[in-house]
Amino acid sequence: MVRTEGWRRLPAALLPILAVAVAYYLGGLIGLHQRVVVNDAEVTPLWLPTGIAVTSLLWLGLRAWPGIAIGTYLTIEQITDFDPPGLIIVAGNVLAPVCAYLMLRRVGFRTEMDRLRDALALVFLGGLLPMLISATIGTWTLVLTGDLPMSQFWPVWSAWWAGDAMGVLVVTPLLLVLRRLLTVRRSREGYRAAEAAALVVASVAVTLVATRSPLSLLFLVFPLIIWAAVRFQLAGSAPITLLVSVLTIAAATARDGPFAHHTLLEIMINLQGLNGAAALTGLLLSALVTEQNNVRLKIEQVCEDLAELVEQLTPGKPDL
């Protein structure tokens, strides 16, 4: 009976791990379509799997790490033949999100991201700091194996770190809020849906103009992100930020619009600067608005409770 019960539990334990591995691998395939070559090393401006890895750990806990390792191995196989040094890169890609998860859990991070402190924690403890681990381990591995000259360490390292960090800042908020994207207040469903549709259409149109025009108009995307964050909070800012990032990366890799006639290093600096600023604007502003809305609702509830209490304590009017 014990063995039978154990075998029955095995598929339930393996299924989440396989789901994480598949999601990581599919995210890697999408990311590889936008890869660029920096000094003979392939890097991506937005590495989706890091965001998937951090989210899976927040949802499933540490039991998700084997899925991250399997997904990393499958992704490396798409780039080159897997060899023993590849195990070091796999270890770095697992260690970075695990450290992010442990630090986020230590500071009491809430996946609802309804506090400014949660947004700040995700930015620094979930993205910027722990992704130093994967970038450093991966770049040093390329140097020690002779695949990358030491003189090119810092350009590749910075591109690797920025891509991993942007994956967390852009993808993780979207996945965390994904369930709430389908929940709309009934009383305002039609109005909210119309406004959301207008926001998406405007975001696509303005971003295409800003990223394909030879003029420096990239700043035009920020009013859209502010609109999304103020009106829809994270449920609006997260998908709009991803949309802006994807369209901007497409223009940058094609060397179109404001990215034309620039060196690859200049393109990467401008691209990551825009993506980082867009992600921070949407993430922090939406968390701030959500926190203020929650405070207002609590004050209104206290006022209602106080009014009911006063009404109960007020003596009844005498009959005339």
C-alpha atoms as a PDB file:
ATOM      1  CA  MET A   1       0.000   0.000   0.000  1.00  0.00           C
ATOM      2  CA  VAL A   2       2.822   2.407   0.831  1.00  0.00           C
ATOM      3  CA  ARG A   3       4.561   1.807  -2.495  1.00  0.00           C
ATOM      4  CA  THR A   4       1.293   2.163  -4.394  1.00  0.00           C
ATOM      5  CA  GLU A   5       0.532   5.440  -2.655  1.00  0.00           C
ATOM      6  CA  GLY A   6       4.042   6.686  -3.427  1.00  0.00           C
ATOM      7  CA  TRP A   7       3.737   5.838  -7.131  1.00  0.00           C
ATOM      8  CA  ARG A   8       0.400   7.639  -7.250  1.00  0.00           C
ATOM      9  CA  ARG A   9       1.940  10.773  -5.805  1.00  0.00           C
ATOM     10  CA  LEU A  10       4.878  10.730  -8.225  1.00  0.00           C
ATOM     11  CA  PRO A  11       2.995  12.119 -11.269  1.00  0.00           C
ATOM     12  CA  ALA A  12       1.514  14.914  -9.132  1.00  0.00           C
ATOM     13  CA  ALA A  13       5.026  15.841  -7.963  1.00  0.00           C
ATOM     14  CA  LEU A  14       6.606  15.639 -11.419  1.00  0.00           C
ATOM     15  CA  LEU A  15       3.895  17.511 -13.318  1.00  0.00           C
ATOM     16  CA  PRO A  16       4.714  21.000 -11.920  1.00  0.00           C
ATOM     17  CA  ILE A  17       8.425  20.414 -12.577  1.00  0.00           C
ATOM     18  CA  LEU A  18       7.756  19.434 -16.182  1.00  0.00           C
ATOM     19  CA  ALA A  19       5.432  22.414 -16.614  1.00  0.00           C
ATOM     20  CA  VAL A  20       8.175  24.762 -15.400  1.00  0.00           C
ATOM     21  CA  ALA A  21      10.708  23.107 -17.729  1.00  0.00           C
ATOM     22  CA  VAL A  22       8.399  23.451 -20.744  1.00  0.00           C
ATOM     23  CA  ALA A  23       7.536  27.066 -19.922  1.00  0.00           C
ATOM     24  CA  TYR A  24      11.219  27.918 -19.442  1.00  0.00           C
ATOM     25  CA  TYR A  25      12.152  26.227 -22.728  1.00  0.00           C
ATOM     26  CA  LEU A  26       9.378  27.940 -24.697  1.00  0.00           C
ATOM     27  CA  GLY A  27      10.359  31.288 -23.203  1.00  0.00           C
ATOM     28  CA  GLY A  28      13.940  30.582 -24.230  1.00  0.00           C
ATOM     29  CA  LEU A  29      12.887  29.838 -27.813  1.00  0.00           C
ATOM     30  CA  ILE A  30      11.037  33.153 -27.972  1.00  0.00           C
ATOM     31  CA  GLY A  31      13.995  34.988 -26.487  1.00  0.00           C
ATOM     32  CA  LEU A  32      16.452  33.426 -28.932  1.00  0.00           C
ATOM     33  CA  HIS A  33      14.539  34.966 -31.829  1.00  0.00           C
ATOM     34  CA  GLN A  34      15.584  38.388 -30.510  1.00  0.00           C
ATOM     35  CA  ARG A  35      19.192  37.488 -29.716  1.00  0.00           C
ATOM     36  CA  VAL A  36      22.124  39.617 -30.745  1.00  0.00           C
ATOM     37  CA  VAL A  37      25.821  38.802 -30.945  1.00  0.00           C
ATOM     38  CA  VAL A  38      28.025  40.819 -28.614  1.00  0.00           C
ATOM     39  CA  ASN A  39      31.690  40.052 -29.215  1.00  0.00           C
ATOM     40  CA  ASP A  40      30.958  36.517 -30.502  1.00  0.00           C
ATOM     41  CA  ALA A  41      28.641  35.751 -27.548  1.00  0.00           C
ATOM     42  CA  GLU A  42      24.889  35.421 -28.045  1.00  0.00           C
ATOM     43  CA  VAL A  43      22.816  37.469 -25.602  1.00  0.00           C
ATOM     44  CA  THR A  44      19.209  38.614 -25.512  1.00  0.00           C
ATOM     45  CA  PRO A  45      17.994  42.080 -24.456  1.00  0.00           C
ATOM     46  CA  LEU A  46      14.965  40.495 -22.752  1.00  0.00           C
ATOM     47  CA  TRP A  47      15.502  36.959 -21.421  1.00  0.00           C
ATOM     48  CA  LEU A  48      11.969  35.725 -20.687  1.00  0.00           C
ATOM     49  CA  PRO A  49      12.991  32.514 -18.824  1.00  0.00           C
ATOM     50  CA  THR A  50      14.361  34.413 -15.822  1.00  0.00           C
ATOM     51  CA  GLY A  51      10.960  35.948 -15.216  1.00  0.00           C
ATOM     52  CA  ILE A  52       9.349  32.526 -15.655  1.00  0.00           C
ATOM     53  CA  ALA A  53      11.841  30.987 -13.220  1.00  0.00           C
ATOM     54  CA  VAL A  54      11.280  33.567 -10.478  1.00  0.00           C
ATOM     55  CA  THR A  55       7.497  33.338 -10.887  1.00  0.00           C
ATOM     56  CA  SER A  56       7.506  29.547 -10.732  1.00  0.00           C
ATOM     57  CA  LEU A  57       9.496  29.676  -7.496  1.00  0.00           C
ATOM     58  CA  LEU A  58       7.074  32.199  -6.019  1.00  0.00           C
ATOM     59  CA  TRP A  59       4.169  29.931  -6.930  1.00  0.00           C
ATOM     60  CA  LEU A  60       5.627  26.495  -6.212  1.00  0.00           C
ATOM     61  CA  GLY A  61       8.518  27.101  -3.837  1.00  0.00           C
ATOM     62  CA  LEU A  62      11.943  25.485  -4.089  1.00  0.00           C
ATOM     63  CA  ARG A  63      10.532  22.321  -5.639  1.00  0.00           C
ATOM     64  CA  ALA A  64      10.452  24.211  -8.966  1.00  0.00           C
ATOM     65  CA  TRP A  65      14.258  24.383  -9.306  1.00  0.00           C
ATOM     66  CA  PRO A  66      14.664  21.036 -11.180  1.00  0.00           C
ATOM     67  CA  GLY A  67      12.297  22.361 -13.839  1.00  0.00           C
ATOM     68  CA  ILE A  68      14.447  25.468 -14.207  1.00  0.00           C
ATOM     69  CA  ALA A  69      17.556  23.298 -14.590  1.00  0.00           C
ATOM     70  CA  ILE A  70      15.911  21.090 -17.232  1.00  0.00           C
ATOM     71  CA  GLY A  71      14.629  24.122 -19.122  1.00  0.00           C
ATOM     72  CA  THR A  72      18.090  25.713 -19.085  1.00  0.00           C
ATOM     73  CA  TYR A  73      19.664  22.522 -20.433  1.00  0.00           C
ATOM     74  CA  LEU A  74      17.118  22.284 -23.264  1.00  0.00           C
ATOM     75  CA  THR A  75      17.653  25.945 -24.133  1.00  0.00           C
ATOM     76  CA  ILE A  76      21.434  25.580 -24.274  1.00  0.00           C
ATOM     77  CA  GLU A  77      20.941  22.630 -26.627  1.00  0.00           C
ATOM     78  CA  GLN A  78      19.211  25.005 -29.036  1.00  0.00           C
ATOM     79  CA  ILE A  79      22.275  27.265 -29.109  1.00  0.00           C
ATOM     80  CA  THR A  80      25.174  24.795 -29.133  1.00  0.00           C
ATOM     81  CA  ASP A  81      26.110  21.269 -28.223  1.00  0.00           C
ATOM     82  CA  PHE A  82      25.918  20.742 -24.482  1.00  0.00           C
ATOM     83  CA  ASP A  83      29.284  20.066 -22.839  1.00  0.00           C
ATOM     84  CA  PRO A  84      30.477  19.793 -19.201  1.00  0.00           C
ATOM     85  CA  PRO A  85      31.076  23.576 -18.803  1.00  0.00           C
ATOM     86  CA  GLY A  86      27.418  23.977 -19.689  1.00  0.00           C
ATOM     87  CA  LEU A  87      26.605  22.497 -16.290  1.00  0.00           C
ATOM     88  CA  ILE A  88      28.162  25.582 -14.692  1.00  0.00           C
ATOM     89  CA  ILE A  89      25.895  27.852 -16.738  1.00  0.00           C
ATOM     90  CA  VAL A  90      22.915  25.713 -15.747  1.00  0.00           C
ATOM     91  CA  ALA A  91      23.925  26.055 -12.100  1.00  0.00           C
ATOM     92  CA  GLY A  92      24.179  29.839 -12.441  1.00  0.00           C
ATOM     93  CA  ASN A  93      20.784  30.081 -14.132  1.00  0.00           C
ATOM     94  CA  VAL A  94      19.238  28.063 -11.295  1.00  0.00           C
ATOM     95  CA  LEU A  95      21.100  29.769  -8.457  1.00  0.00           C
ATOM     96  CA  ALA A  96      20.135  33.314  -9.490  1.00  0.00           C
ATOM     97  CA  PRO A  97      16.319  32.876  -9.366  1.00  0.00           C
ATOM     98  CA  VAL A  98      16.585  30.698  -6.250  1.00  0.00           C
ATOM     99  CA  CYS A  99      18.483  33.493  -4.493  1.00  0.00           C
ATOM    100  CA  ALA A 100      15.875  35.966  -5.741  1.00  0.00           C
ATOM    101  CA  TYR A 101      13.099  33.806  -4.312  1.00  0.00           C
ATOM    102  CA  LEU A 102      14.822  33.390  -0.939  1.00  0.00           C
ATOM    103  CA  MET A 103      15.463  37.133  -0.585  1.00  0.00           C
ATOM    104  CA  LEU A 104      11.910  38.004  -1.591  1.00  0.00           C
ATOM    105  CA  ARG A 105      10.521  35.526   0.897  1.00  0.00           C
ATOM    106  CA  ARG A 106      12.807  36.897   3.596  1.00  0.00           C
ATOM    107  CA  VAL A 107      11.405  40.430   3.254  1.00  0.00           C
ATOM    108  CA  GLY A 108       7.776  39.260   3.189  1.00  0.00           C
ATOM    109  CA  PHE A 109       7.119  39.822  -0.520  1.00  0.00           C
ATOM    110  CA  ARG A 110       3.447  39.471  -1.498  1.00  0.00           C
ATOM    111  CA  THR A 111       2.578  38.240  -4.978  1.00  0.00           C
ATOM    112  CA  GLU A 112      -0.405  40.605  -5.085  1.00  0.00           C
ATOM    113  CA  MET A 113       2.138  43.432  -5.311  1.00  0.00           C
ATOM    114  CA  ASP A 114      -0.295  45.841  -3.678  1.00  0.00           C
ATOM    115  CA  ARG A 115       2.420  47.691  -1.740  1.00  0.00           C
ATOM    116  CA  LEU A 116       5.232  49.920  -2.911  1.00  0.00           C
ATOM    117  CA  ARG A 117       7.674  47.860  -0.846  1.00  0.00           C
ATOM    118  CA  ASP A 118       6.739  44.760  -2.894  1.00  0.00           C
ATOM    119  CA  ALA A 119       7.554  46.544  -6.142  1.00  0.00           C
ATOM    120  CA  LEU A 120      10.871  47.781  -4.770  1.00  0.00           C
ATOM    121  CA  ALA A 121      11.689  44.296  -3.489  1.00  0.00           C
ATOM    122  CA  LEU A 122      11.008  42.749  -6.897  1.00  0.00           C
ATOM    123  CA  VAL A 123      13.167  45.361  -8.637  1.00  0.00           C
ATOM    124  CA  PHE A 124      16.216  45.048  -6.415  1.00  0.00           C
ATOM    125  CA  LEU A 125      15.976  41.685  -4.635  1.00  0.00           C
ATOM    126  CA  GLY A 126      14.210  39.856  -7.447  1.00  0.00           C
ATOM    127  CA  GLY A 127      15.926  41.328 -10.494  1.00  0.00           C
ATOM    128  CA  LEU A 128      18.927  43.607 -10.264  1.00  0.00           C
ATOM    129  CA  LEU A 129      20.920  41.961  -7.472  1.00  0.00           C
ATOM    130  CA  PRO A 130      20.439  38.181  -7.930  1.00  0.00           C
ATOM    131  CA  MET A 131      20.895  38.319 -11.701  1.00  0.00           C
ATOM    132  CA  LEU A 132      24.469  39.396 -11.053  1.00  0.00           C
ATOM    133  CA  ILE A 133      25.034  35.731 -10.164  1.00  0.00           C
ATOM    134  CA  SER A 134      23.930  34.225 -13.474  1.00  0.00           C
ATOM    135  CA  ALA A 135      25.682  36.921 -15.522  1.00  0.00           C
ATOM    136  CA  THR A 136      28.950  36.541 -13.624  1.00  0.00           C
ATOM    137  CA  ILE A 137      28.978  32.731 -13.661  1.00  0.00           C
ATOM    138  CA  GLY A 138      27.969  32.546 -17.307  1.00  0.00           C
ATOM    139  CA  THR A 139      30.459  35.114 -18.570  1.00  0.00           C
ATOM    140  CA  TRP A 140      33.350  33.698 -16.552  1.00  0.00           C
ATOM    141  CA  THR A 141      32.532  30.247 -17.919  1.00  0.00           C
ATOM    142  CA  LEU A 142      32.842  31.548 -21.483  1.00  0.00           C
ATOM    143  CA  VAL A 143      36.165  33.199 -20.610  1.00  0.00           C
ATOM    144  CA  LEU A 144      37.650  30.144 -18.881  1.00  0.00           C
ATOM    145  CA  THR A 145      36.646  27.814 -21.716  1.00  0.00           C
ATOM    146  CA  GLY A 146      38.262  30.123 -24.280  1.00  0.00           C
ATOM    147  CA  ASP A 147      34.979  31.007 -26.003  1.00  0.00           C
ATOM    148  CA  LEU A 148      35.316  34.665 -25.000  1.00  0.00           C
ATOM    149  CA  PRO A 149      38.457  36.809 -24.739  1.00  0.00           C
ATOM    150  CA  MET A 150      39.023  38.453 -21.381  1.00  0.00           C
ATOM    151  CA  SER A 151      39.067  41.870 -23.033  1.00  0.00           C
ATOM    152  CA  GLN A 152      35.385  41.425 -23.926  1.00  0.00           C
ATOM    153  CA  PHE A 153      34.271  40.306 -20.474  1.00  0.00           C
ATOM    154  CA  TRP A 154      32.483  43.485 -19.399  1.00  0.00           C
ATOM    155  CA  PRO A 155      30.405  44.118 -22.560  1.00  0.00           C
ATOM    156  CA  VAL A 156      29.113  40.539 -22.543  1.00  0.00           C
ATOM    157  CA  TRP A 157      28.620  40.534 -18.778  1.00  0.00           C
ATOM    158  CA  SER A 158      26.604  43.760 -18.820  1.00  0.00           C
ATOM    159  CA  ALA A 159      24.416  42.551 -21.697  1.00  0.00           C
ATOM    160  CA  TRP A 160      23.848  39.201 -19.962  1.00  0.00           C
ATOM    161  CA  TRP A 161      22.942  40.848 -16.654  1.00  0.00           C
ATOM    162  CA  ALA A 162      20.625  43.404 -18.257  1.00  0.00           C
ATOM    163  CA  GLY A 163      18.778  40.721 -20.242  1.00  0.00           C
ATOM    164  CA  ASP A 164      18.255  38.525 -17.165  1.00  0.00           C
ATOM    165  CA  ALA A 165      17.189  41.442 -14.971  1.00  0.00           C
ATOM    166  CA  MET A 166      14.757  42.739 -17.585  1.00  0.00           C
ATOM    167  CA  GLY A 167      13.208  39.276 -17.793  1.00  0.00           C
ATOM    168  CA  VAL A 168      12.273  39.554 -14.121  1.00  0.00           C
ATOM    169  CA  LEU A 169      11.124  43.181 -14.245  1.00  0.00           C
ATOM    170  CA  VAL A 170       8.936  42.681 -17.327  1.00  0.00           C
ATOM    171  CA  VAL A 171       7.735  39.060 -17.252  1.00  0.00           C
ATOM    172  CA  THR A 172       7.299  38.315 -13.533  1.00  0.00           C
ATOM    173  CA  PRO A 173       4.756  41.122 -12.867  1.00  0.00           C
ATOM    174  CA  LEU A 174       2.753  40.023 -15.911  1.00  0.00           C
ATOM    175  CA  LEU A 175       2.618  36.394 -14.792  1.00  0.00           C
ATOM    176  CA  LEU A 176       1.764  37.327 -11.221  1.00  0.00           C
ATOM    177  CA  VAL A 177      -1.146  39.479 -12.340  1.00  0.00           C
ATOM    178  CA  LEU A 178      -2.302  37.125 -15.103  1.00  0.00           C
ATOM    179  CA  ARG A 179      -5.178  35.727 -13.072  1.00  0.00           C
ATOM    180  CA  ARG A 180      -6.524  39.190 -12.356  1.00  0.00           C
ATOM    181  CA  LEU A 181      -6.589  40.179 -16.026  1.00  0.00           C
ATOM    182  CA  LEU A 182      -9.795  38.169 -16.446  1.00  0.00           C
ATOM    183  CA  THR A 183     -11.593  39.664 -13.467  1.00  0.00           C
ATOM    184  CA  VAL A 184     -13.451  42.893 -14.278  1.00  0.00           C
ATOM    185  CA  ARG A 185     -16.046  44.604 -12.169  1.00  0.00           C
ATOM    186  CA  ARG A 186     -19.465  43.828 -13.557  1.00  0.00           C
ATOM    187  CA  SER A 187     -20.815  47.323 -13.115  1.00  0.00           C
ATOM    188  CA  ARG A 188     -18.087  48.842 -15.285  1.00  0.00           C
ATOM    189  CA  GLU A 189     -17.218  45.934 -17.530  1.00  0.00           C
ATOM    190  CA  GLY A 190     -18.172  47.615 -20.806  1.00  0.00           C
ATOM    191  CA  TYR A 191     -16.462  50.903 -20.008  1.00  0.00           C
ATOM    192  CA  ARG A 192     -13.314  49.244 -18.673  1.00  0.00           C
ATOM    193  CA  ALA A 193     -13.084  46.932 -21.679  1.00  0.00           C
ATOM    194  CA  ALA A 194     -13.441  49.863 -24.089  1.00  0.00           C
ATOM    195  CA  GLU A 195     -10.765  51.844 -22.263  1.00  0.00           C
ATOM    196  CA  ALA A 196      -8.443  48.820 -22.186  1.00  0.00           C
ATOM    197  CA  ALA A 197      -8.908  48.288 -25.932  1.00  0.00           C
ATOM    198  CA  ALA A 198      -8.162  51.954 -26.600  1.00  0.00           C
ATOM    199  CA  LEU A 199      -5.045  51.695 -24.441  1.00  0.00           C
ATOM    200  CA  VAL A 200      -3.749  48.680 -26.374  1.00  0.00           C
ATOM    201  CA  VAL A 201      -4.418  50.265 -29.773  1.00  0.00           C
ATOM    202  CA  ALA A 202      -2.781  53.526 -28.728  1.00  0.00           C
ATOM    203  CA  SER A 203       0.204  51.677 -27.273  1.00  0.00           C
ATOM    204  CA  VAL A 204       0.828  49.729 -30.458  1.00  0.00           C
ATOM    205  CA  ALA A 205       0.449  52.795 -32.690  1.00  0.00           C
ATOM    206  CA  VAL A 206       2.555  55.151 -30.580  1.00  0.00           C
ATOM    207  CA  THR A 207       5.296  52.577 -29.930  1.00  0.00           C
ATOM    208  CA  LEU A 208       5.586  51.752 -33.620  1.00  0.00           C
ATOM    209  CA  VAL A 209       5.915  55.442 -34.449  1.00  0.00           C
ATOM    210  CA  ALA A 210       8.410  56.050 -31.640  1.00  0.00           C
ATOM    211  CA  THR A 211      10.603  53.048 -32.499  1.00  0.00           C
ATOM    212  CA  ARG A 212      10.453  53.287 -36.292  1.00  0.00           C
ATOM    213  CA  SER A 213      10.753  57.035 -36.748  1.00  0.00           C
ATOM    214  CA  PRO A 214      14.253  58.425 -37.383  1.00  0.00           C
ATOM    215  CA  LEU A 215      13.467  61.094 -34.799  1.00  0.00           C
ATOM    216  CA  SER A 216      14.205  60.522 -31.110  1.00  0.00           C
ATOM    217  CA  LEU A 217      10.624  59.949 -29.950  1.00  0.00           C
ATOM    218  CA  LEU A 218      11.091  57.031 -27.546  1.00  0.00           C
ATOM    219  CA  PHE A 219       9.848  59.176 -24.652  1.00  0.00           C
ATOM    220  CA  LEU A 220       6.329  59.008 -26.124  1.00  0.00           C
ATOM    221  CA  VAL A 221       5.803  55.538 -24.634  1.00  0.00           C
ATOM    222  CA  PHE A 222       5.863  56.804 -21.042  1.00  0.00           C
ATOM    223  CA  PRO A 223       2.447  58.555 -21.059  1.00  0.00           C
ATOM    224  CA  LEU A 224       0.954  55.231 -22.171  1.00  0.00           C
ATOM    225  CA  ILE A 225       2.607  53.343 -19.327  1.00  0.00           C
ATOM    226  CA  ILE A 226       1.461  56.009 -16.856  1.00  0.00           C
ATOM    227  CA  TRP A 227      -2.081  55.762 -18.242  1.00  0.00           C
ATOM    228  CA  ALA A 228      -2.031  51.987 -17.823  1.00  0.00           C
ATOM    229  CA  ALA A 229      -0.618  52.133 -14.289  1.00  0.00           C
ATOM    230  CA  VAL A 230      -2.996  54.829 -13.019  1.00  0.00           C
ATOM    231  CA  ARG A 231      -6.170  53.401 -14.535  1.00  0.00           C
ATOM    232  CA  PHE A 232      -5.527  49.633 -14.389  1.00  0.00           C
ATOM    233  CA  GLN A 233      -2.591  49.338 -11.981  1.00  0.00           C
ATOM    234  CA  LEU A 234      -0.400  46.268 -12.497  1.00  0.00           C
ATOM    235  CA  ALA A 235      -3.038  44.506 -14.623  1.00  0.00           C
ATOM    236  CA  GLY A 236      -2.589  47.292 -17.182  1.00  0.00           C
ATOM    237  CA  SER A 237       1.028  48.379 -16.810  1.00  0.00           C
ATOM    238  CA  ALA A 238       2.523  44.850 -16.963  1.00  0.00           C
ATOM    239  CA  PRO A 239       1.177  43.874 -20.422  1.00  0.00           C
ATOM    240  CA  ILE A 240       1.750  47.357 -21.839  1.00  0.00           C
ATOM    241  CA  THR A 241       5.352  47.339 -20.616  1.00  0.00           C
ATOM    242  CA  LEU A 242       5.904  43.950 -22.251  1.00  0.00           C
ATOM    243  CA  LEU A 243       4.323  45.208 -25.483  1.00  0.00           C
ATOM    244  CA  VAL A 244       6.551  48.291 -25.522  1.00  0.00           C
ATOM    245  CA  SER A 245       9.650  46.201 -24.780  1.00  0.00           C
ATOM    246  CA  VAL A 246       8.964  43.658 -27.526  1.00  0.00           C
ATOM    247  CA  LEU A 247       8.298  46.300 -30.199  1.00  0.00           C
ATOM    248  CA  THR A 248      11.361  48.283 -29.126  1.00  0.00           C
ATOM    249  CA  ILE A 249      13.600  45.206 -29.205  1.00  0.00           C
ATOM    250  CA  ALA A 250      12.326  44.375 -32.698  1.00  0.00           C
ATOM    251  CA  ALA A 251      13.249  47.863 -33.906  1.00  0.00           C
ATOM    252  CA  ALA A 252      16.633  47.731 -32.167  1.00  0.00           C
ATOM    253  CA  THR A 253      17.638  44.346 -33.601  1.00  0.00           C
ATOM    254  CA  ALA A 254      16.575  45.555 -37.054  1.00  0.00           C
ATOM    255  CA  ARG A 255      18.608  48.757 -36.504  1.00  0.00           C
ATOM    256  CA  ASP A 256      15.567  50.790 -37.479  1.00  0.00           C
ATOM    257  CA  GLY A 257      14.343  54.222 -36.422  1.00  0.00           C
ATOM    258  CA  PRO A 258      16.376  55.865 -33.639  1.00  0.00           C
ATOM    259  CA  PHE A 259      18.599  52.769 -33.434  1.00  0.00           C
ATOM    260  CA  ALA A 260      19.956  53.197 -36.957  1.00  0.00           C
ATOM    261  CA  HIS A 261      23.547  54.292 -37.586  1.00  0.00           C
ATOM    262  CA  HIS A 262      24.696  53.329 -34.081  1.00  0.00           C
ATOM    263  CA  THR A 263      27.140  50.726 -32.859  1.00  0.00           C
ATOM    264  CA  LEU A 264      25.833  47.576 -31.218  1.00  0.00           C
ATOM    265  CA  LEU A 265      27.014  48.775 -27.808  1.00  0.00           C
ATOM    266  CA  GLU A 266      25.179  52.087 -28.222  1.00  0.00           C
ATOM    267  CA  ILE A 267      22.049  50.252 -29.326  1.00  0.00           C
ATOM    268  CA  MET A 268      22.163  47.955 -26.299  1.00  0.00           C
ATOM    269  CA  ILE A 269      22.645  50.895 -23.918  1.00  0.00           C
ATOM    270  CA  ASN A 270      19.715  52.844 -25.392  1.00  0.00           C
ATOM    271  CA  LEU A 271      17.519  49.749 -25.556  1.00  0.00           C
ATOM    272  CA  GLN A 272      18.130  48.600 -22.007  1.00  0.00           C
ATOM    273  CA  GLY A 273      17.811  52.157 -20.732  1.00  0.00           C
ATOM    274  CA  LEU A 274      14.361  52.469 -22.279  1.00  0.00           C
ATOM    275  CA  ASN A 275      13.211  49.008 -21.222  1.00  0.00           C
ATOM    276  CA  GLY A 276      14.473  49.495 -17.682  1.00  0.00           C
ATOM    277  CA  ALA A 277      12.876  52.917 -17.308  1.00  0.00           C
ATOM    278  CA  ALA A 278       9.578  51.650 -18.743  1.00  0.00           C
ATOM    279  CA  ALA A 279       9.512  48.627 -16.431  1.00  0.00           C
ATOM    280  CA  LEU A 280      10.367  50.687 -13.351  1.00  0.00           C
ATOM    281  CA  THR A 281       7.793  53.361 -14.199  1.00  0.00           C
ATOM    282  CA  GLY A 282       4.965  50.884 -14.677  1.00  0.00           C
ATOM    283  CA  LEU A 283       5.885  48.663 -11.752  1.00  0.00           C
ATOM    284  CA  LEU A 284       6.460  51.337  -9.116  1.00  0.00           C
ATOM    285  CA  LEU A 285       3.608  53.620 -10.167  1.00  0.00           C
ATOM    286  CA  SER A 286       1.058  50.798 -10.301  1.00  0.00           C
ATOM    287  CA  ALA A 287       2.130  49.555  -6.860  1.00  0.00           C
ATOM    288  CA  LEU A 288       1.899  53.085  -5.451  1.00  0.00           C
ATOM    289  CA  VAL A 289      -1.585  53.659  -6.892  1.00  0.00           C
ATOM    290  CA  THR A 290      -2.770  50.265  -5.639  1.00  0.00           C
ATOM    291  CA  GLU A 291      -1.455  50.977  -2.158  1.00  0.00           C
ATOM    292  CA  GLN A 292      -3.170  54.370  -2.069  1.00  0.00           C
ATOM    293  CA  ASN A 293      -6.439  52.851  -3.309  1.00  0.00           C
ATOM    294  CA  ASN A 294      -6.298  50.220  -0.575  1.00  0.00           C
ATOM    295  CA  VAL A 295      -5.691  52.896   2.058  1.00  0.00           C
ATOM    296  CA  ARG A 296      -8.659  54.898   0.757  1.00  0.00           C
ATOM    297  CA  LEU A 297     -10.909  51.826   0.873  1.00  0.00           C
ATOM    298  CA  LYS A 298      -9.851  51.099   4.443  1.00  0.00           C
ATOM    299  CA  ILE A 299     -10.580  54.697   5.483  1.00  0.00           C
ATOM    300  CA  GLU A 300     -13.997  54.529   3.818  1.00  0.00           C
ATOM    301  CA  GLN A 301     -14.730  51.266   5.616  1.00  0.00           C
ATOM    302  CA  VAL A 302     -13.716  52.768   8.967  1.00  0.00           C
ATOM    303  CA  CYS A 303     -15.947  55.790   8.305  1.00  0.00           C
ATOM    304  CA  GLU A 304     -18.888  53.529   7.462  1.00  0.00           C
ATOM    305  CA  ASP A 305     -18.334  51.461  10.595  1.00  0.00           C
ATOM    306  CA  LEU A 306     -18.101  54.644  12.679  1.00  0.00           C
ATOM    307  CA  ALA A 307     -21.322  56.000  11.149  1.00  0.00           C
ATOM    308  CA  GLU A 308     -23.138  52.771  11.964  1.00  0.00           C
ATOM    309  CA  LEU A 309     -21.826  52.887  15.526  1.00  0.00           C
ATOM    310  CA  VAL A 310     -22.975  56.486  15.977  1.00  0.00           C
ATOM    311  CA  GLU A 311     -26.390  55.604  14.581  1.00  0.00           C
ATOM    312  CA  GLN A 312     -26.715  52.736  17.035  1.00  0.00           C
ATOM    313  CA  LEU A 313     -25.704  54.889  20.013  1.00  0.00           C
ATOM    314  CA  THR A 314     -27.994  57.797  19.077  1.00  0.00           C
ATOM    315  CA  PRO A 315     -31.240  57.636  21.101  1.00  0.00           C
ATOM    316  CA  GLY A 316     -34.423  57.252  19.071  1.00  0.00           C
ATOM    317  CA  LYS A 317     -36.601  60.254  18.348  1.00  0.00           C
ATOM    318  CA  PRO A 318     -39.533  60.666  20.733  1.00  0.00           C
ATOM    319  CA  ASP A 319     -42.966  59.968  19.290  1.00  0.00           C
ATOM    320  CA  LEU A 320     -45.059  63.079  18.678  1.00  0.00           C
END
